[in-house]
């Protein structure tokens, strides 16, 4: 989130959304909680938190495991995440960001 507490949108987020909020947006797309073209640009923290609560409730139904998703959701997940990883790699992402310390 920026200083204004408004989300920049998944397309403008770091490496095309390879962040915690970006993951929540992608998951919300997988579960069809938002349309696939919704970037959440301009959403405030309360809106993102509410979306995350809905996403977590959906994941709880499947034990928080991709392998437990029904075929339709699994295929949508693979497509959405596959496209995101491909885009992120083109932007220079290598997966190491997730291991950086916040300290």
C-alpha atoms as a PDB file:
ATOM      1  CA  UNK A   1       0.000   0.000   0.000  1.00  0.00           C
ATOM      2  CA  UNK A   2       1.197   3.499  -0.686  1.00  0.00           C
ATOM      3  CA  UNK A   3       1.378   6.357   1.737  1.00  0.00           C
ATOM      4  CA  UNK A   4      -2.160   7.298   0.747  1.00  0.00           C
ATOM      5  CA  UNK A   5      -3.348   3.833   1.833  1.00  0.00           C
ATOM      6  CA  UNK A   6      -4.678   3.162  -1.642  1.00  0.00           C
ATOM      7  CA  UNK A   7      -3.542   0.064  -3.474  1.00  0.00           C
ATOM      8  CA  UNK A   8      -1.706   0.778  -6.735  1.00  0.00           C
ATOM      9  CA  UNK A   9      -3.412  -2.119  -8.481  1.00  0.00           C
ATOM     10  CA  UNK A  10      -2.012  -5.523  -9.328  1.00  0.00           C
ATOM     11  CA  UNK A  11      -0.719  -4.326 -12.705  1.00  0.00           C
ATOM     12  CA  UNK A  12       1.335  -1.559 -11.083  1.00  0.00           C
ATOM     13  CA  UNK A  13       2.378  -3.593  -8.047  1.00  0.00           C
ATOM     14  CA  UNK A  14       5.900  -4.963  -7.711  1.00  0.00           C
ATOM     15  CA  UNK A  15       6.725  -7.388 -10.547  1.00  0.00           C
ATOM     16  CA  UNK A  16       3.105  -7.391 -11.709  1.00  0.00           C
ATOM     17  CA  UNK A  17       1.716  -8.234  -8.305  1.00  0.00           C
ATOM     18  CA  UNK A  18       4.182 -10.680  -6.800  1.00  0.00           C
ATOM     19  CA  UNK A  19       3.270  -9.422  -3.339  1.00  0.00           C
ATOM     20  CA  UNK A  20       0.926 -10.500  -0.573  1.00  0.00           C
ATOM     21  CA  UNK A  21      -1.812  -8.210  -1.863  1.00  0.00           C
ATOM     22  CA  UNK A  22      -1.212  -9.320  -5.446  1.00  0.00           C
ATOM     23  CA  UNK A  23      -1.612 -12.943  -4.373  1.00  0.00           C
ATOM     24  CA  UNK A  24      -4.910 -12.079  -2.690  1.00  0.00           C
ATOM     25  CA  UNK A  25      -6.126 -10.385  -5.872  1.00  0.00           C
ATOM     26  CA  UNK A  26      -5.139 -13.396  -7.991  1.00  0.00           C
ATOM     27  CA  UNK A  27      -6.814 -15.766  -5.537  1.00  0.00           C
ATOM     28  CA  UNK A  28      -9.963 -13.626  -5.588  1.00  0.00           C
ATOM     29  CA  UNK A  29      -9.948 -13.977  -9.375  1.00  0.00           C
ATOM     30  CA  UNK A  30      -9.535 -17.743  -9.085  1.00  0.00           C
ATOM     31  CA  UNK A  31     -12.539 -17.982  -6.763  1.00  0.00           C
ATOM     32  CA  UNK A  32     -14.477 -15.487  -8.904  1.00  0.00           C
ATOM     33  CA  UNK A  33     -14.893 -13.096  -6.003  1.00  0.00           C
ATOM     34  CA  UNK A  34     -13.884 -10.338  -8.420  1.00  0.00           C
ATOM     35  CA  UNK A  35     -13.775 -10.280 -12.235  1.00  0.00           C
ATOM     36  CA  UNK A  36     -10.476 -11.323 -13.774  1.00  0.00           C
ATOM     37  CA  UNK A  37      -9.934  -7.824 -15.122  1.00  0.00           C
ATOM     38  CA  UNK A  38     -10.357  -6.180 -11.678  1.00  0.00           C
ATOM     39  CA  UNK A  39      -6.992  -4.767 -10.613  1.00  0.00           C
ATOM     40  CA  UNK A  40      -8.181  -3.361  -7.259  1.00  0.00           C
ATOM     41  CA  UNK A  41      -6.453  -0.087  -8.130  1.00  0.00           C
ATOM     42  CA  UNK A  42      -7.475   2.611  -5.680  1.00  0.00           C
ATOM     43  CA  UNK A  43      -8.883   0.186  -3.111  1.00  0.00           C
ATOM     44  CA  UNK A  44      -8.273   1.173   0.485  1.00  0.00           C
ATOM     45  CA  UNK A  45      -6.852  -1.152   3.134  1.00  0.00           C
ATOM     46  CA  UNK A  46     -10.323  -1.982   4.453  1.00  0.00           C
ATOM     47  CA  UNK A  47     -11.427  -3.163   1.004  1.00  0.00           C
ATOM     48  CA  UNK A  48      -8.299  -5.270   0.563  1.00  0.00           C
ATOM     49  CA  UNK A  49      -8.735  -6.760   4.058  1.00  0.00           C
ATOM     50  CA  UNK A  50     -12.374  -7.624   3.325  1.00  0.00           C
ATOM     51  CA  UNK A  51     -11.327  -9.295   0.069  1.00  0.00           C
ATOM     52  CA  UNK A  52      -8.594 -11.218   1.881  1.00  0.00           C
ATOM     53  CA  UNK A  53     -11.147 -12.469   4.422  1.00  0.00           C
ATOM     54  CA  UNK A  54     -13.310 -13.790   1.567  1.00  0.00           C
ATOM     55  CA  UNK A  55     -10.304 -15.388  -0.125  1.00  0.00           C
ATOM     56  CA  UNK A  56      -9.252 -17.085   3.117  1.00  0.00           C
ATOM     57  CA  UNK A  57     -12.777 -18.433   3.615  1.00  0.00           C
ATOM     58  CA  UNK A  58     -12.649 -19.966   0.134  1.00  0.00           C
ATOM     59  CA  UNK A  59      -9.224 -21.515   0.713  1.00  0.00           C
ATOM     60  CA  UNK A  60     -10.449 -22.991   4.009  1.00  0.00           C
ATOM     61  CA  UNK A  61     -12.999 -25.037   2.036  1.00  0.00           C
ATOM     62  CA  UNK A  62     -10.112 -26.796   0.277  1.00  0.00           C
ATOM     63  CA  UNK A  63      -7.681 -27.150   3.152  1.00  0.00           C
ATOM     64  CA  UNK A  64      -5.610 -24.279   1.745  1.00  0.00           C
ATOM     65  CA  UNK A  65      -4.164 -26.640  -0.877  1.00  0.00           C
ATOM     66  CA  UNK A  66      -4.199 -26.094  -4.626  1.00  0.00           C
ATOM     67  CA  UNK A  67      -4.282 -29.866  -5.089  1.00  0.00           C
ATOM     68  CA  UNK A  68      -7.650 -29.981  -3.302  1.00  0.00           C
ATOM     69  CA  UNK A  69      -9.330 -27.537  -5.668  1.00  0.00           C
ATOM     70  CA  UNK A  70     -12.036 -28.921  -7.946  1.00  0.00           C
ATOM     71  CA  UNK A  71     -10.947 -29.288 -11.577  1.00  0.00           C
ATOM     72  CA  UNK A  72     -12.455 -25.972 -12.766  1.00  0.00           C
ATOM     73  CA  UNK A  73     -10.849 -23.971  -9.961  1.00  0.00           C
ATOM     74  CA  UNK A  74      -7.554 -25.841 -10.305  1.00  0.00           C
ATOM     75  CA  UNK A  75      -7.400 -25.076 -14.028  1.00  0.00           C
ATOM     76  CA  UNK A  76      -8.275 -21.406 -13.462  1.00  0.00           C
ATOM     77  CA  UNK A  77      -5.624 -21.222 -10.727  1.00  0.00           C
ATOM     78  CA  UNK A  78      -2.972 -22.742 -13.002  1.00  0.00           C
ATOM     79  CA  UNK A  79      -3.822 -20.319 -15.814  1.00  0.00           C
ATOM     80  CA  UNK A  80      -3.956 -17.180 -13.645  1.00  0.00           C
ATOM     81  CA  UNK A  81      -0.793 -17.996 -11.722  1.00  0.00           C
ATOM     82  CA  UNK A  82       1.026 -19.242 -14.817  1.00  0.00           C
ATOM     83  CA  UNK A  83       0.341 -15.950 -16.599  1.00  0.00           C
ATOM     84  CA  UNK A  84       1.384 -13.982 -13.492  1.00  0.00           C
ATOM     85  CA  UNK A  85       4.695 -15.821 -13.129  1.00  0.00           C
ATOM     86  CA  UNK A  86       5.468 -15.408 -16.824  1.00  0.00           C
ATOM     87  CA  UNK A  87       4.769 -11.652 -16.615  1.00  0.00           C
ATOM     88  CA  UNK A  88       6.763 -11.292 -13.398  1.00  0.00           C
ATOM     89  CA  UNK A  89       9.798 -13.040 -14.879  1.00  0.00           C
ATOM     90  CA  UNK A  90       9.709 -10.659 -17.853  1.00  0.00           C
ATOM     91  CA  UNK A  91       9.779  -7.816 -15.315  1.00  0.00           C
ATOM     92  CA  UNK A  92      12.859  -9.277 -13.615  1.00  0.00           C
ATOM     93  CA  UNK A  93      11.255 -11.280 -10.811  1.00  0.00           C
ATOM     94  CA  UNK A  94      13.177 -14.372  -9.785  1.00  0.00           C
ATOM     95  CA  UNK A  95      11.218 -15.511  -6.747  1.00  0.00           C
ATOM     96  CA  UNK A  96      13.819 -14.265  -4.302  1.00  0.00           C
ATOM     97  CA  UNK A  97      11.699 -11.312  -3.104  1.00  0.00           C
ATOM     98  CA  UNK A  98       9.657 -13.603  -0.884  1.00  0.00           C
ATOM     99  CA  UNK A  99      12.761 -14.577   1.085  1.00  0.00           C
ATOM    100  CA  UNK A 100      13.914 -11.020   1.809  1.00  0.00           C
ATOM    101  CA  UNK A 101      13.749  -9.876   5.400  1.00  0.00           C
ATOM    102  CA  UNK A 102      11.585  -6.896   6.332  1.00  0.00           C
ATOM    103  CA  UNK A 103      14.303  -5.835   8.761  1.00  0.00           C
END
